């Protein structure tokens, strides 16, 4: 029993349904809904040269960020505690007004002067600090010690 296969001729060509039923693009744009993030995380990276402050949701998606350099400080002034305070206030204002952030868990990385100043600025801005955790990297093993050259 051999089955016969036929190829469709020009008159029998099927109409492609996907092309006929393609949705038309809407001319008006939808208004973007604001996402509410009542609790989140605050990441502070404080180096000797700069302080970077970023607010994120519980998953780690950044919602607002600022740094001392972005706030107009240049050179050695970026590493000061005041610059970190200004950067934290700027990021906190965005996070609180646009996303309704109320409580944060703080993760601090680095050894700079802006560590405490940024946390105090966020606390004074009306955002409650749940916990503070230091996540500064610790070297294990360190760099290779210099030894005598071999011939």
N, C-alpha and C. Protein backbone atom coordinates (compact mmCIF):
# COMPACT_ATOMS: atom_id res chain seq x y z
N UNK A 1 0.82 -1.17 0.00
CA UNK A 1 0.00 0.00 0.00
C UNK A 1 0.88 1.25 0.00
N UNK A 2 1.00 1.83 -1.10
CA UNK A 2 1.79 3.04 -1.23
C UNK A 2 0.86 4.24 -1.20
N UNK A 3 1.24 5.20 -0.37
CA UNK A 3 0.42 6.41 -0.28
C UNK A 3 0.90 7.40 -1.32
N UNK A 4 -0.04 8.06 -1.90
CA UNK A 4 0.32 9.05 -2.90
C UNK A 4 0.43 10.41 -2.23
N UNK A 5 1.51 11.09 -2.57
CA UNK A 5 1.68 12.44 -2.03
C UNK A 5 1.49 13.42 -3.17
N UNK A 6 0.72 14.41 -2.90
CA UNK A 6 0.47 15.42 -3.92
C UNK A 6 0.97 16.76 -3.44
N UNK A 7 1.48 17.51 -4.34
CA UNK A 7 1.91 18.87 -3.99
C UNK A 7 0.81 19.82 -4.41
N UNK A 8 0.55 20.83 -3.60
CA UNK A 8 -0.53 21.75 -3.95
C UNK A 8 -0.13 22.61 -5.14
N UNK A 9 -1.09 22.80 -6.01
CA UNK A 9 -0.85 23.65 -7.18
C UNK A 9 -1.11 25.10 -6.81
N UNK A 10 -0.92 25.97 -7.74
CA UNK A 10 -1.08 27.40 -7.49
C UNK A 10 -2.50 27.74 -7.04
N UNK A 11 -3.48 27.01 -7.55
CA UNK A 11 -4.86 27.31 -7.17
C UNK A 11 -5.20 26.72 -5.81
N UNK A 12 -4.46 25.70 -5.37
CA UNK A 12 -4.75 25.03 -4.10
C UNK A 12 -3.90 25.55 -2.94
N UNK A 13 -3.07 26.57 -3.13
CA UNK A 13 -2.17 27.05 -2.08
C UNK A 13 -3.00 27.58 -0.91
N UNK A 14 -2.72 27.08 0.31
CA UNK A 14 -3.49 27.53 1.48
C UNK A 14 -3.09 28.96 1.87
N UNK A 15 -4.04 29.69 2.41
CA UNK A 15 -3.78 31.06 2.88
C UNK A 15 -3.16 30.95 4.27
N UNK A 16 -2.10 31.69 4.46
CA UNK A 16 -1.43 31.66 5.76
C UNK A 16 -2.28 32.45 6.75
N UNK A 17 -2.72 31.75 7.81
CA UNK A 17 -3.61 32.35 8.79
C UNK A 17 -2.89 33.39 9.65
N UNK A 18 -1.61 33.15 9.94
CA UNK A 18 -0.89 34.04 10.84
C UNK A 18 -0.75 35.44 10.26
N UNK A 19 -0.57 35.54 8.96
CA UNK A 19 -0.41 36.84 8.35
C UNK A 19 -1.75 37.59 8.32
N UNK A 20 -2.80 36.87 8.09
CA UNK A 20 -4.11 37.50 8.00
C UNK A 20 -4.59 37.98 9.37
N UNK A 21 -4.24 37.25 10.45
CA UNK A 21 -4.73 37.58 11.78
C UNK A 21 -3.70 38.32 12.62
N UNK A 22 -2.71 38.96 12.00
CA UNK A 22 -1.68 39.68 12.76
C UNK A 22 -2.32 40.88 13.44
N UNK A 23 -2.01 41.08 14.74
CA UNK A 23 -2.61 42.21 15.45
C UNK A 23 -2.01 43.53 14.97
N UNK A 24 -2.86 44.54 14.94
CA UNK A 24 -2.40 45.84 14.51
C UNK A 24 -1.77 46.57 15.69
N UNK A 25 -0.76 47.36 15.41
CA UNK A 25 -0.09 48.12 16.45
C UNK A 25 -1.01 49.26 16.90
N UNK A 26 -1.05 49.46 18.23
CA UNK A 26 -1.89 50.52 18.77
C UNK A 26 -1.19 51.86 18.60
N UNK A 27 -1.97 52.87 18.28
CA UNK A 27 -1.38 54.18 18.04
C UNK A 27 -1.08 54.90 19.36
N UNK A 28 -1.89 54.71 20.38
CA UNK A 28 -1.70 55.37 21.67
C UNK A 28 -0.83 54.51 22.59
N UNK A 29 0.02 55.15 23.37
CA UNK A 29 0.88 54.38 24.27
C UNK A 29 0.20 54.27 25.63
N UNK A 30 0.40 53.11 26.28
CA UNK A 30 -0.18 52.88 27.59
C UNK A 30 0.63 53.61 28.64
N UNK A 31 -0.02 54.06 29.69
CA UNK A 31 0.69 54.70 30.77
C UNK A 31 1.38 53.62 31.61
N UNK A 32 2.66 53.85 31.87
CA UNK A 32 3.45 52.86 32.63
C UNK A 32 3.02 52.88 34.09
N UNK A 33 2.75 51.70 34.63
CA UNK A 33 2.34 51.60 36.02
C UNK A 33 3.56 51.69 36.91
N UNK A 34 3.41 52.39 38.02
CA UNK A 34 4.50 52.49 38.98
C UNK A 34 4.52 51.25 39.85
N UNK A 35 5.72 50.71 40.02
CA UNK A 35 5.88 49.51 40.81
C UNK A 35 6.10 49.92 42.26
N UNK A 36 5.41 49.29 43.17
CA UNK A 36 5.54 49.59 44.59
C UNK A 36 6.51 48.62 45.23
N UNK A 37 7.54 49.16 45.90
CA UNK A 37 8.55 48.33 46.56
C UNK A 37 8.63 48.81 48.01
N UNK A 38 7.81 48.26 48.92
CA UNK A 38 7.82 48.75 50.30
C UNK A 38 9.08 48.38 51.08
N UNK A 39 9.70 47.24 50.75
CA UNK A 39 10.91 46.81 51.45
C UNK A 39 11.96 46.43 50.42
N UNK A 40 13.20 46.80 50.70
CA UNK A 40 14.25 46.51 49.73
C UNK A 40 15.62 46.42 50.38
N UNK A 41 16.64 46.64 49.56
CA UNK A 41 18.02 46.55 50.01
C UNK A 41 18.74 47.84 49.65
N UNK A 42 19.71 48.20 50.47
CA UNK A 42 20.57 49.35 50.21
C UNK A 42 22.00 48.85 50.16
N UNK A 43 22.65 49.05 49.03
CA UNK A 43 24.04 48.64 48.85
C UNK A 43 24.91 49.89 48.83
N UNK A 44 25.91 49.92 49.72
CA UNK A 44 26.83 51.05 49.80
C UNK A 44 28.23 50.54 49.53
N UNK A 45 28.87 51.08 48.50
CA UNK A 45 30.27 50.75 48.22
C UNK A 45 31.09 52.00 48.52
N UNK A 46 31.85 51.93 49.61
CA UNK A 46 32.61 53.09 50.07
C UNK A 46 34.09 52.84 49.89
N UNK A 47 34.69 53.49 48.90
CA UNK A 47 36.13 53.39 48.70
C UNK A 47 36.77 54.69 49.16
N UNK A 48 38.08 54.77 49.08
CA UNK A 48 38.76 56.00 49.46
C UNK A 48 38.51 57.11 48.44
N UNK A 49 38.16 56.74 47.21
CA UNK A 49 38.01 57.72 46.14
C UNK A 49 36.57 58.09 45.82
N UNK A 50 35.59 57.28 46.19
CA UNK A 50 34.20 57.54 45.82
C UNK A 50 33.28 56.71 46.71
N UNK A 51 32.02 57.07 46.73
CA UNK A 51 30.99 56.29 47.43
C UNK A 51 29.81 56.10 46.49
N UNK A 52 29.41 54.84 46.27
CA UNK A 52 28.30 54.52 45.38
C UNK A 52 27.17 53.95 46.23
N UNK A 53 25.98 54.52 46.09
CA UNK A 53 24.80 54.11 46.85
C UNK A 53 23.75 53.62 45.87
N UNK A 54 23.21 52.41 46.09
CA UNK A 54 22.16 51.91 45.21
C UNK A 54 21.08 51.21 46.02
N UNK A 55 19.82 51.54 45.71
CA UNK A 55 18.66 50.90 46.32
C UNK A 55 18.15 49.84 45.35
N UNK A 56 17.76 48.69 45.89
CA UNK A 56 17.24 47.61 45.05
C UNK A 56 16.06 46.95 45.75
N UNK A 57 15.32 46.15 44.98
CA UNK A 57 14.25 45.38 45.61
C UNK A 57 14.87 44.15 46.26
N UNK A 58 14.03 43.27 46.80
CA UNK A 58 14.53 42.09 47.52
C UNK A 58 15.30 41.12 46.61
N UNK A 59 15.01 41.14 45.30
CA UNK A 59 15.70 40.25 44.37
C UNK A 59 17.05 40.80 43.95
N UNK A 60 17.28 42.10 44.16
CA UNK A 60 18.54 42.70 43.77
C UNK A 60 18.46 43.57 42.53
N UNK A 61 17.25 43.80 42.00
CA UNK A 61 17.09 44.67 40.84
C UNK A 61 17.14 46.13 41.29
N UNK A 62 18.09 46.89 40.76
CA UNK A 62 18.32 48.26 41.19
C UNK A 62 17.16 49.16 40.77
N UNK A 63 16.66 49.96 41.73
CA UNK A 63 15.57 50.89 41.45
C UNK A 63 16.05 52.34 41.49
N UNK A 64 17.10 52.62 42.26
CA UNK A 64 17.65 53.98 42.32
C UNK A 64 19.11 53.89 42.72
N UNK A 65 19.94 54.75 42.13
CA UNK A 65 21.36 54.73 42.44
C UNK A 65 21.92 56.14 42.31
N UNK A 66 23.00 56.39 43.05
CA UNK A 66 23.70 57.65 42.97
C UNK A 66 25.12 57.45 43.49
N UNK A 67 25.98 58.40 43.18
CA UNK A 67 27.35 58.34 43.68
C UNK A 67 27.81 59.76 43.98
N UNK A 68 28.92 59.87 44.69
CA UNK A 68 29.45 61.19 45.01
C UNK A 68 29.86 61.92 43.74
N UNK A 69 30.38 61.21 42.78
CA UNK A 69 30.77 61.83 41.51
C UNK A 69 29.57 62.32 40.72
N UNK A 70 28.46 61.58 40.80
CA UNK A 70 27.25 61.98 40.08
C UNK A 70 26.59 63.20 40.72
N UNK A 71 26.91 63.46 41.99
CA UNK A 71 26.33 64.61 42.69
C UNK A 71 27.17 65.87 42.52
N UNK A 72 28.21 65.82 41.70
CA UNK A 72 28.98 67.01 41.40
C UNK A 72 30.30 67.15 42.13
N UNK A 73 30.63 66.17 42.99
CA UNK A 73 31.91 66.24 43.69
C UNK A 73 33.01 65.73 42.77
N UNK A 74 34.16 66.39 42.81
CA UNK A 74 35.28 66.01 41.96
C UNK A 74 36.54 65.83 42.78
N UNK A 75 37.42 64.99 42.28
CA UNK A 75 38.73 64.81 42.91
C UNK A 75 38.64 64.17 44.29
N UNK A 76 39.44 64.69 45.21
CA UNK A 76 39.52 64.09 46.54
C UNK A 76 38.26 64.34 47.36
N UNK A 77 37.40 65.28 46.93
CA UNK A 77 36.16 65.54 47.68
C UNK A 77 35.16 64.39 47.54
N UNK A 78 35.31 63.56 46.50
CA UNK A 78 34.37 62.44 46.31
C UNK A 78 34.47 61.41 47.43
N UNK A 79 35.62 61.31 48.07
CA UNK A 79 35.81 60.31 49.10
C UNK A 79 35.40 60.75 50.49
N UNK A 80 34.84 61.95 50.63
CA UNK A 80 34.49 62.46 51.95
C UNK A 80 33.15 61.92 52.44
N UNK A 81 32.92 62.08 53.75
CA UNK A 81 31.67 61.62 54.35
C UNK A 81 30.50 62.49 53.90
N UNK A 82 30.75 63.78 53.70
CA UNK A 82 29.67 64.67 53.26
C UNK A 82 29.19 64.30 51.85
N UNK A 83 30.12 63.96 50.98
CA UNK A 83 29.74 63.56 49.61
C UNK A 83 28.90 62.29 49.64
N UNK A 84 29.25 61.36 50.53
CA UNK A 84 28.46 60.13 50.66
C UNK A 84 27.07 60.43 51.19
N UNK A 85 26.96 61.38 52.09
CA UNK A 85 25.66 61.77 52.64
C UNK A 85 24.77 62.37 51.55
N UNK A 86 25.33 63.24 50.73
CA UNK A 86 24.56 63.86 49.66
C UNK A 86 24.11 62.81 48.64
N UNK A 87 25.00 61.87 48.30
CA UNK A 87 24.65 60.82 47.34
C UNK A 87 23.54 59.93 47.89
N UNK A 88 23.61 59.59 49.18
CA UNK A 88 22.59 58.74 49.80
C UNK A 88 21.24 59.44 49.84
N UNK A 89 21.24 60.74 50.12
CA UNK A 89 19.99 61.49 50.15
C UNK A 89 19.34 61.57 48.77
N UNK A 90 20.17 61.75 47.75
CA UNK A 90 19.65 61.84 46.38
C UNK A 90 19.01 60.52 45.95
N UNK A 91 19.68 59.40 46.23
CA UNK A 91 19.13 58.09 45.86
C UNK A 91 17.91 57.75 46.70
N UNK A 92 17.92 58.13 47.99
CA UNK A 92 16.79 57.84 48.88
C UNK A 92 15.54 58.60 48.46
N UNK A 93 15.73 59.83 47.98
CA UNK A 93 14.59 60.63 47.53
C UNK A 93 13.90 59.96 46.34
N UNK A 94 14.69 59.45 45.40
CA UNK A 94 14.11 58.76 44.24
C UNK A 94 13.39 57.49 44.67
N UNK A 95 14.04 56.69 45.53
CA UNK A 95 13.47 55.41 45.96
C UNK A 95 12.18 55.61 46.76
N UNK A 96 12.15 56.63 47.60
CA UNK A 96 10.96 56.84 48.44
C UNK A 96 9.81 57.46 47.66
N UNK A 97 10.11 58.44 46.81
CA UNK A 97 9.02 59.12 46.11
C UNK A 97 8.45 58.30 44.96
N UNK A 98 9.30 57.64 44.18
CA UNK A 98 8.81 56.91 43.01
C UNK A 98 8.38 55.48 43.31
N UNK A 99 8.99 54.84 44.31
CA UNK A 99 8.70 53.44 44.57
C UNK A 99 8.10 53.17 45.95
N UNK A 100 8.01 54.17 46.81
CA UNK A 100 7.40 54.00 48.12
C UNK A 100 8.21 53.13 49.05
N UNK A 101 9.52 53.20 48.97
CA UNK A 101 10.40 52.36 49.80
C UNK A 101 10.34 52.84 51.24
N UNK A 102 10.09 51.90 52.19
CA UNK A 102 9.98 52.26 53.60
C UNK A 102 11.06 51.65 54.46
N UNK A 103 11.40 50.39 54.20
CA UNK A 103 12.40 49.70 55.01
C UNK A 103 13.47 49.09 54.12
N UNK A 104 14.71 49.06 54.62
CA UNK A 104 15.82 48.51 53.85
C UNK A 104 16.73 47.67 54.74
N UNK A 105 17.37 46.71 54.10
CA UNK A 105 18.48 45.98 54.70
C UNK A 105 19.74 46.57 54.07
N UNK A 106 20.71 46.94 54.88
CA UNK A 106 21.89 47.64 54.38
C UNK A 106 23.05 46.66 54.23
N UNK A 107 23.71 46.72 53.07
CA UNK A 107 24.91 45.93 52.81
C UNK A 107 26.04 46.91 52.49
N UNK A 108 27.06 46.95 53.35
CA UNK A 108 28.16 47.89 53.21
C UNK A 108 29.40 47.16 52.73
N UNK A 109 30.04 47.72 51.70
CA UNK A 109 31.27 47.13 51.18
C UNK A 109 32.31 48.23 51.07
N UNK A 110 33.49 47.97 51.58
CA UNK A 110 34.58 48.92 51.44
C UNK A 110 35.01 49.53 52.76
N UNK A 111 36.06 50.36 52.69
CA UNK A 111 36.68 50.91 53.89
C UNK A 111 36.70 52.43 53.88
N UNK A 112 35.91 53.07 53.04
CA UNK A 112 35.95 54.52 52.89
C UNK A 112 35.25 55.27 54.01
N UNK A 113 35.34 56.60 53.95
CA UNK A 113 34.76 57.46 54.98
C UNK A 113 33.24 57.54 54.90
N UNK A 114 32.64 57.15 53.79
CA UNK A 114 31.21 57.32 53.60
C UNK A 114 30.34 56.20 54.14
N UNK A 115 30.93 55.22 54.78
CA UNK A 115 30.15 54.08 55.28
C UNK A 115 29.04 54.52 56.22
N UNK A 116 29.41 55.16 57.32
CA UNK A 116 28.43 55.55 58.34
C UNK A 116 27.57 56.72 57.89
N UNK A 117 28.17 57.65 57.18
CA UNK A 117 27.43 58.85 56.76
C UNK A 117 26.27 58.50 55.85
N UNK A 118 26.45 57.55 54.95
CA UNK A 118 25.37 57.16 54.04
C UNK A 118 24.23 56.49 54.80
N UNK A 119 24.55 55.66 55.77
CA UNK A 119 23.50 54.98 56.55
C UNK A 119 22.71 55.99 57.37
N UNK A 120 23.41 56.94 57.98
CA UNK A 120 22.74 57.96 58.78
C UNK A 120 21.85 58.85 57.92
N UNK A 121 22.31 59.15 56.71
CA UNK A 121 21.51 59.99 55.81
C UNK A 121 20.22 59.30 55.42
N UNK A 122 20.28 58.00 55.16
CA UNK A 122 19.08 57.24 54.78
C UNK A 122 18.12 57.15 55.97
N UNK A 123 18.66 56.93 57.16
CA UNK A 123 17.83 56.87 58.36
C UNK A 123 17.14 58.20 58.64
N UNK A 124 17.83 59.30 58.40
CA UNK A 124 17.26 60.62 58.62
C UNK A 124 16.26 61.01 57.55
N UNK A 125 16.26 60.31 56.44
CA UNK A 125 15.34 60.61 55.34
C UNK A 125 13.98 59.95 55.52
N UNK A 126 13.82 59.12 56.54
CA UNK A 126 12.53 58.49 56.81
C UNK A 126 12.44 57.05 56.36
N UNK A 127 13.55 56.45 55.95
CA UNK A 127 13.57 55.04 55.57
C UNK A 127 14.16 54.26 56.73
N UNK A 128 13.39 53.27 57.23
CA UNK A 128 13.82 52.51 58.39
C UNK A 128 14.86 51.46 58.00
N UNK A 129 15.92 51.37 58.78
CA UNK A 129 17.00 50.42 58.53
C UNK A 129 16.75 49.17 59.37
N UNK A 130 16.52 48.02 58.72
CA UNK A 130 16.26 46.77 59.43
C UNK A 130 17.55 46.16 59.95
N UNK A 131 18.53 46.02 59.09
CA UNK A 131 19.78 45.37 59.49
C UNK A 131 20.93 45.97 58.70
N UNK A 132 22.13 45.85 59.26
CA UNK A 132 23.34 46.33 58.60
C UNK A 132 24.31 45.16 58.53
N UNK A 133 24.79 44.87 57.32
CA UNK A 133 25.72 43.75 57.14
C UNK A 133 26.94 44.23 56.37
N UNK A 134 28.12 43.87 56.86
CA UNK A 134 29.36 44.24 56.19
C UNK A 134 29.74 43.11 55.23
N UNK A 135 29.82 43.42 53.95
CA UNK A 135 30.15 42.41 52.95
C UNK A 135 31.47 42.73 52.25
N UNK A 136 32.36 43.40 52.99
CA UNK A 136 33.67 43.74 52.44
C UNK A 136 34.45 42.47 52.16
N UNK A 137 35.07 42.40 51.00
CA UNK A 137 35.86 41.22 50.65
C UNK A 137 37.10 41.09 51.51
N UNK A 138 37.37 39.86 51.92
CA UNK A 138 38.55 39.59 52.74
C UNK A 138 39.49 38.69 51.94
N UNK A 139 40.74 39.12 51.73
CA UNK A 139 41.65 38.27 50.96
C UNK A 139 42.04 37.03 51.75
N UNK A 140 42.04 35.88 51.09
CA UNK A 140 42.49 34.65 51.74
C UNK A 140 43.66 34.11 50.92
N UNK A 141 44.84 34.23 51.48
CA UNK A 141 46.04 33.82 50.77
C UNK A 141 46.86 35.03 50.35
N UNK A 142 46.19 36.09 49.91
CA UNK A 142 46.89 37.31 49.54
C UNK A 142 47.69 37.18 48.27
N UNK A 143 48.55 38.16 48.04
CA UNK A 143 49.37 38.16 46.84
C UNK A 143 50.62 37.31 47.05
N UNK A 144 51.27 36.95 45.97
CA UNK A 144 52.46 36.11 46.06
C UNK A 144 53.61 36.94 46.63
N UNK A 145 54.30 36.42 47.66
CA UNK A 145 55.40 37.17 48.23
C UNK A 145 56.60 37.22 47.29
N UNK A 146 57.31 38.33 47.35
CA UNK A 146 58.48 38.50 46.49
C UNK A 146 59.58 37.58 46.98
N UNK A 147 60.19 36.88 46.06
CA UNK A 147 61.27 35.95 46.41
C UNK A 147 62.52 36.26 45.62
N UNK A 148 63.58 35.54 45.98
CA UNK A 148 64.85 35.75 45.29
C UNK A 148 64.75 35.22 43.85
N UNK A 149 65.34 35.93 42.90
CA UNK A 149 65.30 35.52 41.51
C UNK A 149 66.21 34.32 41.31
N UNK A 150 65.75 33.39 40.47
CA UNK A 150 66.55 32.20 40.16
C UNK A 150 67.10 32.31 38.75
N UNK A 151 68.30 31.77 38.59
CA UNK A 151 68.92 31.83 37.26
C UNK A 151 68.50 30.68 36.39
